[in-house]
Amino acid sequence: MNYLIKIILTVLIILGASEAAKRIPAAGALIVSLPLTSMIAMCMLYYDTNDAGKVAEFARAIPPILIPSIAFFYVFAFLVEYGLGFVMAMGLATLVMLSGYGLYMYFFARTGM
Protein backbone atom coordinates (compact mmCIF):
# COMPACT_ATOMS: atom_id res chain seq x y z
CA MET A 1 0.00 0.00 0.00
CA ASN A 2 2.89 2.36 0.82
CA TYR A 3 4.29 1.95 -2.72
CA LEU A 4 0.88 2.60 -4.25
CA ILE A 5 0.63 5.93 -2.41
CA LYS A 6 4.13 6.88 -3.61
CA ILE A 7 3.28 5.97 -7.20
CA ILE A 8 -0.02 7.89 -7.18
CA LEU A 9 1.63 10.98 -5.67
CA THR A 10 4.40 10.89 -8.27
CA VAL A 11 1.95 10.51 -11.13
CA LEU A 12 -0.19 13.38 -9.88
CA ILE A 13 2.78 15.75 -9.68
CA ILE A 14 4.02 14.88 -13.17
CA LEU A 15 0.52 15.02 -14.63
CA GLY A 16 -0.14 18.35 -12.94
CA ALA A 17 3.09 19.84 -14.25
CA SER A 18 2.56 18.64 -17.82
CA GLU A 19 -1.08 19.81 -17.89
CA ALA A 20 -0.12 23.21 -16.44
CA ALA A 21 2.70 23.54 -18.99
CA LYS A 22 0.23 23.03 -21.86
CA ARG A 23 -1.61 26.16 -20.78
CA ILE A 24 1.17 28.24 -19.21
CA PRO A 25 4.72 26.88 -19.63
CA ALA A 26 6.00 28.90 -16.68
CA ALA A 27 3.38 27.31 -14.42
CA GLY A 28 4.55 23.82 -15.35
CA ALA A 29 8.14 24.92 -14.86
CA LEU A 30 7.27 26.29 -11.42
CA ILE A 31 5.76 22.98 -10.37
CA VAL A 32 8.79 20.95 -11.42
CA SER A 33 11.27 23.49 -10.06
CA LEU A 34 9.84 23.25 -6.56
CA PRO A 35 11.73 20.81 -4.41
CA LEU A 36 8.58 18.69 -4.18
CA THR A 37 10.37 15.51 -5.12
CA SER A 38 13.06 16.09 -2.54
CA MET A 39 10.59 17.07 0.15
CA ILE A 40 8.39 14.06 -0.50
CA ALA A 41 11.40 11.75 -0.64
CA MET A 42 12.67 13.17 2.67
CA CYS A 43 9.26 12.65 4.30
CA MET A 44 9.08 9.09 2.97
CA LEU A 45 12.65 8.37 4.07
CA TYR A 46 11.87 9.63 7.56
CA TYR A 47 8.62 7.67 7.66
CA ASP A 48 10.41 4.50 6.54
CA THR A 49 13.49 4.86 8.79
CA ASN A 50 12.52 7.29 11.57
CA ASP A 51 16.12 8.54 11.27
CA ALA A 52 16.37 12.35 11.03
CA GLY A 53 20.15 12.10 10.66
CA LYS A 54 19.79 10.01 7.52
CA VAL A 55 17.31 12.55 6.15
CA ALA A 56 19.73 15.40 6.90
CA GLU A 57 22.53 13.53 5.14
CA PHE A 58 20.23 12.99 2.15
CA ALA A 59 19.29 16.71 2.11
CA ARG A 60 22.95 17.76 2.30
CA ALA A 61 23.83 15.57 -0.69
CA ILE A 62 21.26 17.16 -3.02
CA PRO A 63 22.58 20.70 -3.80
CA PRO A 64 25.93 19.74 -5.36
CA ILE A 65 24.22 17.21 -7.60
CA LEU A 66 21.82 19.83 -8.96
CA ILE A 67 24.48 21.39 -11.20
CA PRO A 68 24.43 18.61 -13.85
CA SER A 69 20.63 18.73 -13.83
CA ILE A 70 20.65 22.46 -14.46
CA ALA A 71 23.14 21.96 -17.28
CA PHE A 72 20.70 19.51 -18.89
CA PHE A 73 17.96 22.15 -19.14
CA TYR A 74 20.21 24.84 -20.61
CA VAL A 75 21.83 22.47 -23.11
CA PHE A 76 18.47 21.00 -24.13
CA ALA A 77 16.89 24.43 -24.67
CA PHE A 78 19.93 25.67 -26.61
CA LEU A 79 19.99 22.62 -28.89
CA VAL A 80 16.27 22.79 -29.64
CA GLU A 81 16.50 26.51 -30.37
CA TYR A 82 19.58 25.82 -32.52
CA GLY A 83 17.44 23.57 -34.69
CA LEU A 84 18.19 20.05 -33.51
CA GLY A 85 15.19 17.81 -33.28
CA PHE A 86 13.62 17.02 -29.95
CA VAL A 87 14.99 13.48 -29.72
CA MET A 88 18.55 14.45 -30.69
CA ALA A 89 18.53 17.41 -28.27
CA MET A 90 17.18 15.20 -25.49
CA GLY A 91 19.87 12.60 -26.13
CA LEU A 92 22.76 15.07 -26.26
CA ALA A 93 21.55 17.02 -23.24
CA THR A 94 21.22 13.73 -21.35
CA LEU A 95 24.81 12.85 -22.26
CA VAL A 96 25.98 16.23 -20.95
CA MET A 97 24.03 15.67 -17.73
CA LEU A 98 25.37 12.14 -17.26
CA SER A 99 28.90 13.40 -17.89
CA GLY A 100 28.33 16.02 -15.21
CA TYR A 101 27.16 13.36 -12.80
CA GLY A 102 30.23 11.31 -13.63
CA LEU A 103 32.48 14.27 -12.91
CA TYR A 104 30.63 14.89 -9.66
CA MET A 105 31.13 11.29 -8.60
CA TYR A 106 34.80 11.38 -9.55
CA PHE A 107 35.73 14.70 -7.93
CA PHE A 108 33.25 15.37 -5.15
CA ALA A 109 31.76 12.12 -3.95
CA ARG A 110 35.22 10.73 -3.29
CA THR A 111 35.94 13.65 -0.95
CA GLY A 112 32.70 13.27 0.95
CA MET A 113 30.97 16.37 -0.40
C-alpha atoms as a PDB file:
ATOM      1  CA  MET A   1       0.000   0.000   0.000  1.00  0.00           C
ATOM      2  CA  ASN A   2       2.890   2.364   0.819  1.00  0.00           C
ATOM      3  CA  TYR A   3       4.293   1.945  -2.716  1.00  0.00           C
ATOM      4  CA  LEU A   4       0.879   2.598  -4.247  1.00  0.00           C
ATOM      5  CA  ILE A   5       0.629   5.934  -2.411  1.00  0.00           C
ATOM      6  CA  LYS A   6       4.131   6.883  -3.606  1.00  0.00           C
ATOM      7  CA  ILE A   7       3.278   5.975  -7.203  1.00  0.00           C
ATOM      8  CA  ILE A   8      -0.016   7.894  -7.178  1.00  0.00           C
ATOM      9  CA  LEU A   9       1.634  10.980  -5.665  1.00  0.00           C
ATOM     10  CA  THR A  10       4.401  10.893  -8.268  1.00  0.00           C
ATOM     11  CA  VAL A  11       1.947  10.507 -11.131  1.00  0.00           C
ATOM     12  CA  LEU A  12      -0.187  13.381  -9.876  1.00  0.00           C
ATOM     13  CA  ILE A  13       2.779  15.753  -9.677  1.00  0.00           C
ATOM     14  CA  ILE A  14       4.015  14.885 -13.169  1.00  0.00           C
ATOM     15  CA  LEU A  15       0.520  15.025 -14.635  1.00  0.00           C
ATOM     16  CA  GLY A  16      -0.142  18.353 -12.939  1.00  0.00           C
ATOM     17  CA  ALA A  17       3.089  19.839 -14.245  1.00  0.00           C
ATOM     18  CA  SER A  18       2.555  18.644 -17.817  1.00  0.00           C
ATOM     19  CA  GLU A  19      -1.077  19.814 -17.895  1.00  0.00           C
ATOM     20  CA  ALA A  20      -0.123  23.208 -16.443  1.00  0.00           C
ATOM     21  CA  ALA A  21       2.700  23.540 -18.986  1.00  0.00           C
ATOM     22  CA  LYS A  22       0.228  23.034 -21.858  1.00  0.00           C
ATOM     23  CA  ARG A  23      -1.610  26.161 -20.779  1.00  0.00           C
ATOM     24  CA  ILE A  24       1.165  28.237 -19.213  1.00  0.00           C
ATOM     25  CA  PRO A  25       4.720  26.881 -19.634  1.00  0.00           C
ATOM     26  CA  ALA A  26       5.996  28.901 -16.682  1.00  0.00           C
ATOM     27  CA  ALA A  27       3.381  27.309 -14.416  1.00  0.00           C
ATOM     28  CA  GLY A  28       4.546  23.821 -15.353  1.00  0.00           C
ATOM     29  CA  ALA A  29       8.141  24.917 -14.856  1.00  0.00           C
ATOM     30  CA  LEU A  30       7.271  26.288 -11.425  1.00  0.00           C
ATOM     31  CA  ILE A  31       5.760  22.979 -10.366  1.00  0.00           C
ATOM     32  CA  VAL A  32       8.793  20.945 -11.422  1.00  0.00           C
ATOM     33  CA  SER A  33      11.274  23.493 -10.059  1.00  0.00           C
ATOM     34  CA  LEU A  34       9.839  23.249  -6.560  1.00  0.00           C
ATOM     35  CA  PRO A  35      11.730  20.807  -4.410  1.00  0.00           C
ATOM     36  CA  LEU A  36       8.576  18.688  -4.184  1.00  0.00           C
ATOM     37  CA  THR A  37      10.368  15.511  -5.119  1.00  0.00           C
ATOM     38  CA  SER A  38      13.064  16.093  -2.539  1.00  0.00           C
ATOM     39  CA  MET A  39      10.587  17.075   0.148  1.00  0.00           C
ATOM     40  CA  ILE A  40       8.385  14.062  -0.503  1.00  0.00           C
ATOM     41  CA  ALA A  41      11.395  11.753  -0.637  1.00  0.00           C
ATOM     42  CA  MET A  42      12.666  13.170   2.674  1.00  0.00           C
ATOM     43  CA  CYS A  43       9.260  12.648   4.300  1.00  0.00           C
ATOM     44  CA  MET A  44       9.075   9.090   2.969  1.00  0.00           C
ATOM     45  CA  LEU A  45      12.649   8.375   4.069  1.00  0.00           C
ATOM     46  CA  TYR A  46      11.874   9.629   7.558  1.00  0.00           C
ATOM     47  CA  TYR A  47       8.622   7.674   7.659  1.00  0.00           C
ATOM     48  CA  ASP A  48      10.408   4.502   6.537  1.00  0.00           C
ATOM     49  CA  THR A  49      13.489   4.855   8.793  1.00  0.00           C
ATOM     50  CA  ASN A  50      12.515   7.291  11.574  1.00  0.00           C
ATOM     51  CA  ASP A  51      16.119   8.545  11.268  1.00  0.00           C
ATOM     52  CA  ALA A  52      16.369  12.349  11.027  1.00  0.00           C
ATOM     53  CA  GLY A  53      20.153  12.103  10.656  1.00  0.00           C
ATOM     54  CA  LYS A  54      19.788  10.007   7.521  1.00  0.00           C
ATOM     55  CA  VAL A  55      17.306  12.549   6.145  1.00  0.00           C
ATOM     56  CA  ALA A  56      19.728  15.400   6.895  1.00  0.00           C
ATOM     57  CA  GLU A  57      22.528  13.525   5.145  1.00  0.00           C
ATOM     58  CA  PHE A  58      20.233  12.993   2.155  1.00  0.00           C
ATOM     59  CA  ALA A  59      19.293  16.707   2.105  1.00  0.00           C
ATOM     60  CA  ARG A  60      22.948  17.765   2.303  1.00  0.00           C
ATOM     61  CA  ALA A  61      23.833  15.570  -0.692  1.00  0.00           C
ATOM     62  CA  ILE A  62      21.263  17.156  -3.019  1.00  0.00           C
ATOM     63  CA  PRO A  63      22.578  20.695  -3.798  1.00  0.00           C
ATOM     64  CA  PRO A  64      25.931  19.735  -5.358  1.00  0.00           C
ATOM     65  CA  ILE A  65      24.221  17.207  -7.601  1.00  0.00           C
ATOM     66  CA  LEU A  66      21.820  19.835  -8.963  1.00  0.00           C
ATOM     67  CA  ILE A  67      24.484  21.388 -11.200  1.00  0.00           C
ATOM     68  CA  PRO A  68      24.429  18.613 -13.847  1.00  0.00           C
ATOM     69  CA  SER A  69      20.631  18.726 -13.825  1.00  0.00           C
ATOM     70  CA  ILE A  70      20.645  22.460 -14.456  1.00  0.00           C
ATOM     71  CA  ALA A  71      23.145  21.960 -17.280  1.00  0.00           C
ATOM     72  CA  PHE A  72      20.697  19.510 -18.892  1.00  0.00           C
ATOM     73  CA  PHE A  73      17.964  22.150 -19.140  1.00  0.00           C
ATOM     74  CA  TYR A  74      20.209  24.838 -20.609  1.00  0.00           C
ATOM     75  CA  VAL A  75      21.832  22.468 -23.109  1.00  0.00           C
ATOM     76  CA  PHE A  76      18.473  21.000 -24.129  1.00  0.00           C
ATOM     77  CA  ALA A  77      16.886  24.429 -24.672  1.00  0.00           C
ATOM     78  CA  PHE A  78      19.926  25.669 -26.609  1.00  0.00           C
ATOM     79  CA  LEU A  79      19.989  22.621 -28.892  1.00  0.00           C
ATOM     80  CA  VAL A  80      16.269  22.793 -29.642  1.00  0.00           C
ATOM     81  CA  GLU A  81      16.500  26.510 -30.371  1.00  0.00           C
ATOM     82  CA  TYR A  82      19.585  25.820 -32.518  1.00  0.00           C
ATOM     83  CA  GLY A  83      17.444  23.566 -34.686  1.00  0.00           C
ATOM     84  CA  LEU A  84      18.193  20.052 -33.511  1.00  0.00           C
ATOM     85  CA  GLY A  85      15.191  17.814 -33.280  1.00  0.00           C
ATOM     86  CA  PHE A  86      13.623  17.025 -29.946  1.00  0.00           C
ATOM     87  CA  VAL A  87      14.994  13.479 -29.722  1.00  0.00           C
ATOM     88  CA  MET A  88      18.553  14.455 -30.687  1.00  0.00           C
ATOM     89  CA  ALA A  89      18.530  17.415 -28.274  1.00  0.00           C
ATOM     90  CA  MET A  90      17.179  15.201 -25.488  1.00  0.00           C
ATOM     91  CA  GLY A  91      19.872  12.600 -26.132  1.00  0.00           C
ATOM     92  CA  LEU A  92      22.759  15.066 -26.256  1.00  0.00           C
ATOM     93  CA  ALA A  93      21.550  17.017 -23.235  1.00  0.00           C
ATOM     94  CA  THR A  94      21.220  13.730 -21.348  1.00  0.00           C
ATOM     95  CA  LEU A  95      24.812  12.847 -22.257  1.00  0.00           C
ATOM     96  CA  VAL A  96      25.978  16.227 -20.947  1.00  0.00           C
ATOM     97  CA  MET A  97      24.027  15.665 -17.733  1.00  0.00           C
ATOM     98  CA  LEU A  98      25.373  12.137 -17.264  1.00  0.00           C
ATOM     99  CA  SER A  99      28.897  13.404 -17.892  1.00  0.00           C
ATOM    100  CA  GLY A 100      28.335  16.022 -15.209  1.00  0.00           C
ATOM    101  CA  TYR A 101      27.156  13.359 -12.796  1.00  0.00           C
ATOM    102  CA  GLY A 102      30.228  11.307 -13.633  1.00  0.00           C
ATOM    103  CA  LEU A 103      32.480  14.273 -12.914  1.00  0.00           C
ATOM    104  CA  TYR A 104      30.632  14.889  -9.665  1.00  0.00           C
ATOM    105  CA  MET A 105      31.130  11.287  -8.599  1.00  0.00           C
ATOM    106  CA  TYR A 106      34.803  11.384  -9.554  1.00  0.00           C
ATOM    107  CA  PHE A 107      35.733  14.704  -7.931  1.00  0.00           C
ATOM    108  CA  PHE A 108      33.253  15.369  -5.149  1.00  0.00           C
ATOM    109  CA  ALA A 109      31.756  12.118  -3.946  1.00  0.00           C
ATOM    110  CA  ARG A 110      35.218  10.734  -3.285  1.00  0.00           C
ATOM    111  CA  THR A 111      35.943  13.654  -0.955  1.00  0.00           C
ATOM    112  CA  GLY A 112      32.701  13.271   0.954  1.00  0.00           C
ATOM    113  CA  MET A 113      30.968  16.366  -0.396  1.00  0.00           C
END
